[in-house]
Amino acid sequence: MFAIPEQFSNATKANFESQFAIFSSLASKAFEGVEKIVDLNIHAVKATLEDSAATARQLLAVKDPQEFFTVTAAQAQPTAEKAMSYTRQLATIAATTQAEFNKAAETQIAETNRKVVALVDEVTRNAPAGTENFVNAFKTSIGNAQAGYEQLSKTTKQAAETFENNVNAAVGQFNQAAQAAAPKAAGKK
């Protein structure tokens, strides 16, 4: 008779531990993603400063306006390519972090669901006579919660895929625009 409260106490403890594991895992993945973005930004700023200094030296050595436009036009394509590379790298970091988030969350939630189902099965086997309606309602609510999680998981995956596709499309459009602008800039020589 006293086994059911103990089972719920153990299940509550296991649920808390599982939620803590999910939080720890997601926090770790978030910090890894932020670390990658910070590293990417540091490298991008350093490269931009070096390029700006080189361009400034070239512009200071210019003798006439025609040469000024030539030097300026020559910088358009490499700058656009570097911006596209940065955007691709940022999108890759975001997509990778999102995938790791999803994987970690799915693993932890699947384990939690398995434990809940095991607890429900154990409790229903030991349920006193006359509680069949309550047990069935409880099982139904657990089933509905799992179905809701599965739908949320599918929707989250679709949103992540849509985000990645939109970023890739934007990078492609930016690439096309940069490639179209480079010949025009070079033609102003």
C-alpha atoms as a PDB file:
ATOM      1  CA  MET A   1       0.000   0.000   0.000  1.00  0.00           C
ATOM      2  CA  PHE A   2       2.853   2.399   0.785  1.00  0.00           C
ATOM      3  CA  ALA A   3       4.780   1.472  -2.376  1.00  0.00           C
ATOM      4  CA  ILE A   4       2.892   3.943  -4.592  1.00  0.00           C
ATOM      5  CA  PRO A   5       3.924   7.117  -2.678  1.00  0.00           C
ATOM      6  CA  GLU A   6       7.506   5.849  -2.648  1.00  0.00           C
ATOM      7  CA  GLN A   7       7.319   5.195  -6.399  1.00  0.00           C
ATOM      8  CA  PHE A   8       6.055   8.731  -7.008  1.00  0.00           C
ATOM      9  CA  SER A   9       8.777  10.132  -4.762  1.00  0.00           C
ATOM     10  CA  ASN A  10      11.422   8.210  -6.692  1.00  0.00           C
ATOM     11  CA  ALA A  11       9.844   9.280  -9.986  1.00  0.00           C
ATOM     12  CA  THR A  12       9.818  12.926  -8.880  1.00  0.00           C
ATOM     13  CA  LYS A  13      13.474  12.685  -7.935  1.00  0.00           C
ATOM     14  CA  ALA A  14      14.308  11.005 -11.251  1.00  0.00           C
ATOM     15  CA  ASN A  15      12.301  13.668 -13.113  1.00  0.00           C
ATOM     16  CA  PHE A  16      14.191  16.441 -11.326  1.00  0.00           C
ATOM     17  CA  GLU A  17      17.516  14.785 -12.130  1.00  0.00           C
ATOM     18  CA  SER A  18      16.448  14.378 -15.752  1.00  0.00           C
ATOM     19  CA  GLN A  19      15.417  18.041 -16.022  1.00  0.00           C
ATOM     20  CA  PHE A  20      18.732  19.076 -14.504  1.00  0.00           C
ATOM     21  CA  ALA A  21      20.552  16.864 -17.034  1.00  0.00           C
ATOM     22  CA  ILE A  22      18.580  18.477 -19.877  1.00  0.00           C
ATOM     23  CA  PHE A  23      19.383  21.957 -18.571  1.00  0.00           C
ATOM     24  CA  SER A  24      23.071  21.132 -18.123  1.00  0.00           C
ATOM     25  CA  SER A  25      23.328  19.605 -21.563  1.00  0.00           C
ATOM     26  CA  LEU A  26      21.541  22.510 -23.258  1.00  0.00           C
ATOM     27  CA  ALA A  27      23.565  25.092 -21.342  1.00  0.00           C
ATOM     28  CA  SER A  28      26.769  23.331 -22.382  1.00  0.00           C
ATOM     29  CA  LYS A  29      25.677  23.315 -26.040  1.00  0.00           C
ATOM     30  CA  ALA A  30      24.695  26.987 -25.819  1.00  0.00           C
ATOM     31  CA  PHE A  31      28.076  27.963 -24.385  1.00  0.00           C
ATOM     32  CA  GLU A  32      29.844  25.958 -27.087  1.00  0.00           C
ATOM     33  CA  GLY A  33      27.837  27.787 -29.753  1.00  0.00           C
ATOM     34  CA  VAL A  34      28.525  31.183 -28.195  1.00  0.00           C
ATOM     35  CA  GLU A  35      32.215  30.322 -27.940  1.00  0.00           C
ATOM     36  CA  LYS A  36      32.321  29.453 -31.653  1.00  0.00           C
ATOM     37  CA  ILE A  37      30.523  32.694 -32.574  1.00  0.00           C
ATOM     38  CA  VAL A  38      32.868  34.777 -30.420  1.00  0.00           C
ATOM     39  CA  ASP A  39      35.879  33.060 -32.003  1.00  0.00           C
ATOM     40  CA  LEU A  40      34.453  33.677 -35.490  1.00  0.00           C
ATOM     41  CA  ASN A  41      33.828  37.340 -34.667  1.00  0.00           C
ATOM     42  CA  ILE A  42      37.336  37.834 -33.255  1.00  0.00           C
ATOM     43  CA  HIS A  43      38.869  36.382 -36.399  1.00  0.00           C
ATOM     44  CA  ALA A  44      36.545  38.452 -38.618  1.00  0.00           C
ATOM     45  CA  VAL A  45      37.364  41.701 -36.793  1.00  0.00           C
ATOM     46  CA  LYS A  46      41.096  40.955 -36.898  1.00  0.00           C
ATOM     47  CA  ALA A  47      40.958  40.197 -40.638  1.00  0.00           C
ATOM     48  CA  THR A  48      38.844  43.304 -41.279  1.00  0.00           C
ATOM     49  CA  LEU A  49      41.311  45.510 -39.436  1.00  0.00           C
ATOM     50  CA  GLU A  50      44.226  44.038 -41.381  1.00  0.00           C
ATOM     51  CA  ASP A  51      42.377  44.485 -44.682  1.00  0.00           C
ATOM     52  CA  SER A  52      41.363  48.031 -43.791  1.00  0.00           C
ATOM     53  CA  ALA A  53      44.950  48.941 -42.970  1.00  0.00           C
ATOM     54  CA  ALA A  54      46.167  47.461 -46.265  1.00  0.00           C
ATOM     55  CA  THR A  55      43.465  49.284 -48.216  1.00  0.00           C
ATOM     56  CA  ALA A  56      44.250  52.542 -46.443  1.00  0.00           C
ATOM     57  CA  ARG A  57      47.933  52.161 -47.359  1.00  0.00           C
ATOM     58  CA  GLN A  58      46.956  51.531 -50.985  1.00  0.00           C
ATOM     59  CA  LEU A  59      44.634  54.540 -51.052  1.00  0.00           C
ATOM     60  CA  LEU A  60      47.296  56.772 -49.506  1.00  0.00           C
ATOM     61  CA  ALA A  61      49.667  55.785 -52.317  1.00  0.00           C
ATOM     62  CA  VAL A  62      47.135  56.764 -55.001  1.00  0.00           C
ATOM     63  CA  LYS A  63      48.319  59.439 -57.414  1.00  0.00           C
ATOM     64  CA  ASP A  64      45.113  60.325 -59.313  1.00  0.00           C
ATOM     65  CA  PRO A  65      41.293  59.860 -59.111  1.00  0.00           C
ATOM     66  CA  GLN A  66      41.271  57.069 -61.723  1.00  0.00           C
ATOM     67  CA  GLU A  67      43.674  55.005 -59.652  1.00  0.00           C
ATOM     68  CA  PHE A  68      41.536  55.709 -56.548  1.00  0.00           C
ATOM     69  CA  PHE A  69      38.479  54.189 -58.272  1.00  0.00           C
ATOM     70  CA  THR A  70      40.543  51.243 -59.486  1.00  0.00           C
ATOM     71  CA  VAL A  71      41.795  50.454 -55.976  1.00  0.00           C
ATOM     72  CA  THR A  72      38.299  50.905 -54.520  1.00  0.00           C
ATOM     73  CA  ALA A  73      36.712  48.647 -57.163  1.00  0.00           C
ATOM     74  CA  ALA A  74      39.367  45.995 -56.615  1.00  0.00           C
ATOM     75  CA  GLN A  75      38.292  45.761 -52.967  1.00  0.00           C
ATOM     76  CA  ALA A  76      34.590  45.125 -53.727  1.00  0.00           C
ATOM     77  CA  GLN A  77      34.805  41.437 -54.696  1.00  0.00           C
ATOM     78  CA  PRO A  78      37.140  40.264 -51.890  1.00  0.00           C
ATOM     79  CA  THR A  79      35.081  42.173 -49.320  1.00  0.00           C
ATOM     80  CA  ALA A  80      31.851  40.610 -50.588  1.00  0.00           C
ATOM     81  CA  GLU A  81      33.421  37.145 -50.583  1.00  0.00           C
ATOM     82  CA  LYS A  82      34.617  37.597 -46.998  1.00  0.00           C
ATOM     83  CA  ALA A  83      31.154  38.753 -45.931  1.00  0.00           C
ATOM     84  CA  MET A  84      29.587  35.710 -47.596  1.00  0.00           C
ATOM     85  CA  SER A  85      32.116  33.411 -45.952  1.00  0.00           C
ATOM     86  CA  TYR A  86      31.368  34.959 -42.559  1.00  0.00           C
ATOM     87  CA  THR A  87      27.619  34.548 -43.122  1.00  0.00           C
ATOM     88  CA  ARG A  88      28.055  30.904 -44.158  1.00  0.00           C
ATOM     89  CA  GLN A  89      30.220  30.165 -41.130  1.00  0.00           C
ATOM     90  CA  LEU A  90      27.730  31.872 -38.815  1.00  0.00           C
ATOM     91  CA  ALA A  91      24.851  29.914 -40.364  1.00  0.00           C
ATOM     92  CA  THR A  92      26.817  26.676 -39.975  1.00  0.00           C
ATOM     93  CA  ILE A  93      27.483  27.406 -36.310  1.00  0.00           C
ATOM     94  CA  ALA A  94      23.802  28.216 -35.732  1.00  0.00           C
ATOM     95  CA  ALA A  95      22.621  25.086 -37.565  1.00  0.00           C
ATOM     96  CA  THR A  96      25.132  22.853 -35.770  1.00  0.00           C
ATOM     97  CA  THR A  97      24.222  24.279 -32.384  1.00  0.00           C
ATOM     98  CA  GLN A  98      20.507  23.869 -33.137  1.00  0.00           C
ATOM     99  CA  ALA A  99      21.058  20.254 -34.203  1.00  0.00           C
ATOM    100  CA  GLU A 100      23.044  19.536 -31.037  1.00  0.00           C
ATOM    101  CA  PHE A 101      20.313  21.202 -28.961  1.00  0.00           C
ATOM    102  CA  ASN A 102      17.659  19.046 -30.603  1.00  0.00           C
ATOM    103  CA  LYS A 103      19.688  15.866 -30.190  1.00  0.00           C
ATOM    104  CA  ALA A 104      20.431  16.527 -26.516  1.00  0.00           C
ATOM    105  CA  ALA A 105      16.842  17.473 -25.746  1.00  0.00           C
ATOM    106  CA  GLU A 106      15.408  14.502 -27.634  1.00  0.00           C
ATOM    107  CA  THR A 107      17.722  12.083 -25.842  1.00  0.00           C
ATOM    108  CA  GLN A 108      16.869  13.434 -22.410  1.00  0.00           C
ATOM    109  CA  ILE A 109      13.140  13.723 -23.086  1.00  0.00           C
ATOM    110  CA  ALA A 110      12.977  10.218 -24.553  1.00  0.00           C
ATOM    111  CA  GLU A 111      14.621   8.881 -21.399  1.00  0.00           C
ATOM    112  CA  THR A 112      12.201  10.835 -19.206  1.00  0.00           C
ATOM    113  CA  ASN A 113       9.238   9.527 -21.216  1.00  0.00           C
ATOM    114  CA  ARG A 114      10.516   5.977 -20.880  1.00  0.00           C
ATOM    115  CA  LYS A 115      10.741   6.396 -17.096  1.00  0.00           C
ATOM    116  CA  VAL A 116       7.250   7.934 -16.893  1.00  0.00           C
ATOM    117  CA  VAL A 117       5.742   5.110 -18.934  1.00  0.00           C
ATOM    118  CA  ALA A 118       7.516   2.542 -16.726  1.00  0.00           C
ATOM    119  CA  LEU A 119       6.196   4.287 -13.609  1.00  0.00           C
ATOM    120  CA  VAL A 120       2.654   4.420 -14.986  1.00  0.00           C
ATOM    121  CA  ASP A 121       2.818   0.737 -15.875  1.00  0.00           C
ATOM    122  CA  GLU A 122       4.108  -0.141 -12.415  1.00  0.00           C
ATOM    123  CA  VAL A 123       1.499   1.981 -10.643  1.00  0.00           C
ATOM    124  CA  THR A 124      -1.358   0.627 -12.768  1.00  0.00           C
ATOM    125  CA  ARG A 125      -0.329  -2.957 -12.046  1.00  0.00           C
ATOM    126  CA  ASN A 126      -0.562  -2.235  -8.326  1.00  0.00           C
ATOM    127  CA  ALA A 127      -3.645  -0.003  -8.527  1.00  0.00           C
ATOM    128  CA  PRO A 128      -6.454  -0.933  -6.168  1.00  0.00           C
ATOM    129  CA  ALA A 129      -9.702  -2.259  -7.538  1.00  0.00           C
ATOM    130  CA  GLY A 130     -12.176   0.411  -8.612  1.00  0.00           C
ATOM    131  CA  THR A 131      -9.558   2.853  -9.906  1.00  0.00           C
ATOM    132  CA  GLU A 132      -9.621   1.628 -13.502  1.00  0.00           C
ATOM    133  CA  ASN A 133     -11.252   4.846 -14.792  1.00  0.00           C
ATOM    134  CA  PHE A 134      -8.640   6.989 -13.073  1.00  0.00           C
ATOM    135  CA  VAL A 135      -5.825   4.780 -14.380  1.00  0.00           C
ATOM    136  CA  ASN A 136      -7.192   4.937 -17.932  1.00  0.00           C
ATOM    137  CA  ALA A 137      -7.571   8.726 -17.741  1.00  0.00           C
ATOM    138  CA  PHE A 138      -4.026   9.005 -16.423  1.00  0.00           C
ATOM    139  CA  LYS A 139      -2.670   6.796 -19.217  1.00  0.00           C
ATOM    140  CA  THR A 140      -4.590   8.857 -21.772  1.00  0.00           C
ATOM    141  CA  SER A 141      -3.151  12.107 -20.410  1.00  0.00           C
ATOM    142  CA  ILE A 142       0.367  10.644 -20.558  1.00  0.00           C
ATOM    143  CA  GLY A 143      -0.264   9.507 -24.137  1.00  0.00           C
ATOM    144  CA  ASN A 144      -1.568  12.971 -25.076  1.00  0.00           C
ATOM    145  CA  ALA A 145       1.457  14.627 -23.504  1.00  0.00           C
ATOM    146  CA  GLN A 146       3.786  12.361 -25.480  1.00  0.00           C
ATOM    147  CA  ALA A 147       1.895  13.084 -28.706  1.00  0.00           C
ATOM    148  CA  GLY A 148       2.152  16.813 -27.960  1.00  0.00           C
ATOM    149  CA  TYR A 149       5.899  16.492 -27.411  1.00  0.00           C
ATOM    150  CA  GLU A 150       6.307  14.599 -30.680  1.00  0.00           C
ATOM    151  CA  GLN A 151       4.378  17.306 -32.536  1.00  0.00           C
ATOM    152  CA  LEU A 152       6.442  20.043 -30.873  1.00  0.00           C
ATOM    153  CA  SER A 153       9.626  18.187 -31.803  1.00  0.00           C
ATOM    154  CA  LYS A 154       8.529  17.911 -35.446  1.00  0.00           C
ATOM    155  CA  THR A 155       7.570  21.587 -35.547  1.00  0.00           C
ATOM    156  CA  THR A 156      10.892  22.624 -34.013  1.00  0.00           C
ATOM    157  CA  LYS A 157      12.811  20.551 -36.575  1.00  0.00           C
ATOM    158  CA  GLN A 158      10.798  22.115 -39.402  1.00  0.00           C
ATOM    159  CA  ALA A 159      11.469  25.609 -38.046  1.00  0.00           C
ATOM    160  CA  ALA A 160      15.205  24.885 -37.820  1.00  0.00           C
ATOM    161  CA  GLU A 161      15.241  23.538 -41.376  1.00  0.00           C
ATOM    162  CA  THR A 162      13.313  26.577 -42.614  1.00  0.00           C
ATOM    163  CA  PHE A 163      15.754  28.900 -40.853  1.00  0.00           C
ATOM    164  CA  GLU A 164      18.731  27.098 -42.382  1.00  0.00           C
ATOM    165  CA  ASN A 165      17.150  27.166 -45.848  1.00  0.00           C
ATOM    166  CA  ASN A 166      16.377  30.887 -45.516  1.00  0.00           C
ATOM    167  CA  VAL A 167      19.947  31.656 -44.451  1.00  0.00           C
ATOM    168  CA  ASN A 168      21.312  29.611 -47.358  1.00  0.00           C
ATOM    169  CA  ALA A 169      18.980  31.408 -49.776  1.00  0.00           C
ATOM    170  CA  ALA A 170      20.036  34.804 -48.406  1.00  0.00           C
ATOM    171  CA  VAL A 171      23.712  33.884 -48.738  1.00  0.00           C
ATOM    172  CA  GLY A 172      23.060  32.740 -52.311  1.00  0.00           C
ATOM    173  CA  GLN A 173      21.289  35.988 -53.184  1.00  0.00           C
ATOM    174  CA  PHE A 174      24.057  38.009 -51.574  1.00  0.00           C
ATOM    175  CA  ASN A 175      26.631  36.013 -53.536  1.00  0.00           C
ATOM    176  CA  GLN A 176      24.795  36.660 -56.800  1.00  0.00           C
ATOM    177  CA  ALA A 177      24.486  40.365 -56.055  1.00  0.00           C
ATOM    178  CA  ALA A 178      28.178  40.612 -55.155  1.00  0.00           C
ATOM    179  CA  GLN A 179      29.221  38.783 -58.306  1.00  0.00           C
ATOM    180  CA  ALA A 180      26.994  41.040 -60.409  1.00  0.00           C
ATOM    181  CA  ALA A 181      28.330  44.184 -58.709  1.00  0.00           C
ATOM    182  CA  ALA A 182      32.016  43.293 -59.056  1.00  0.00           C
ATOM    183  CA  PRO A 183      32.157  43.592 -62.872  1.00  0.00           C
ATOM    184  CA  LYS A 184      30.208  46.865 -62.710  1.00  0.00           C
ATOM    185  CA  ALA A 185      32.652  48.255 -60.151  1.00  0.00           C
ATOM    186  CA  ALA A 186      35.615  47.070 -62.208  1.00  0.00           C
ATOM    187  CA  GLY A 187      34.069  48.680 -65.308  1.00  0.00           C
ATOM    188  CA  LYS A 188      34.252  52.135 -63.679  1.00  0.00           C
ATOM    189  CA  LYS A 189      38.059  52.088 -64.001  1.00  0.00           C
END
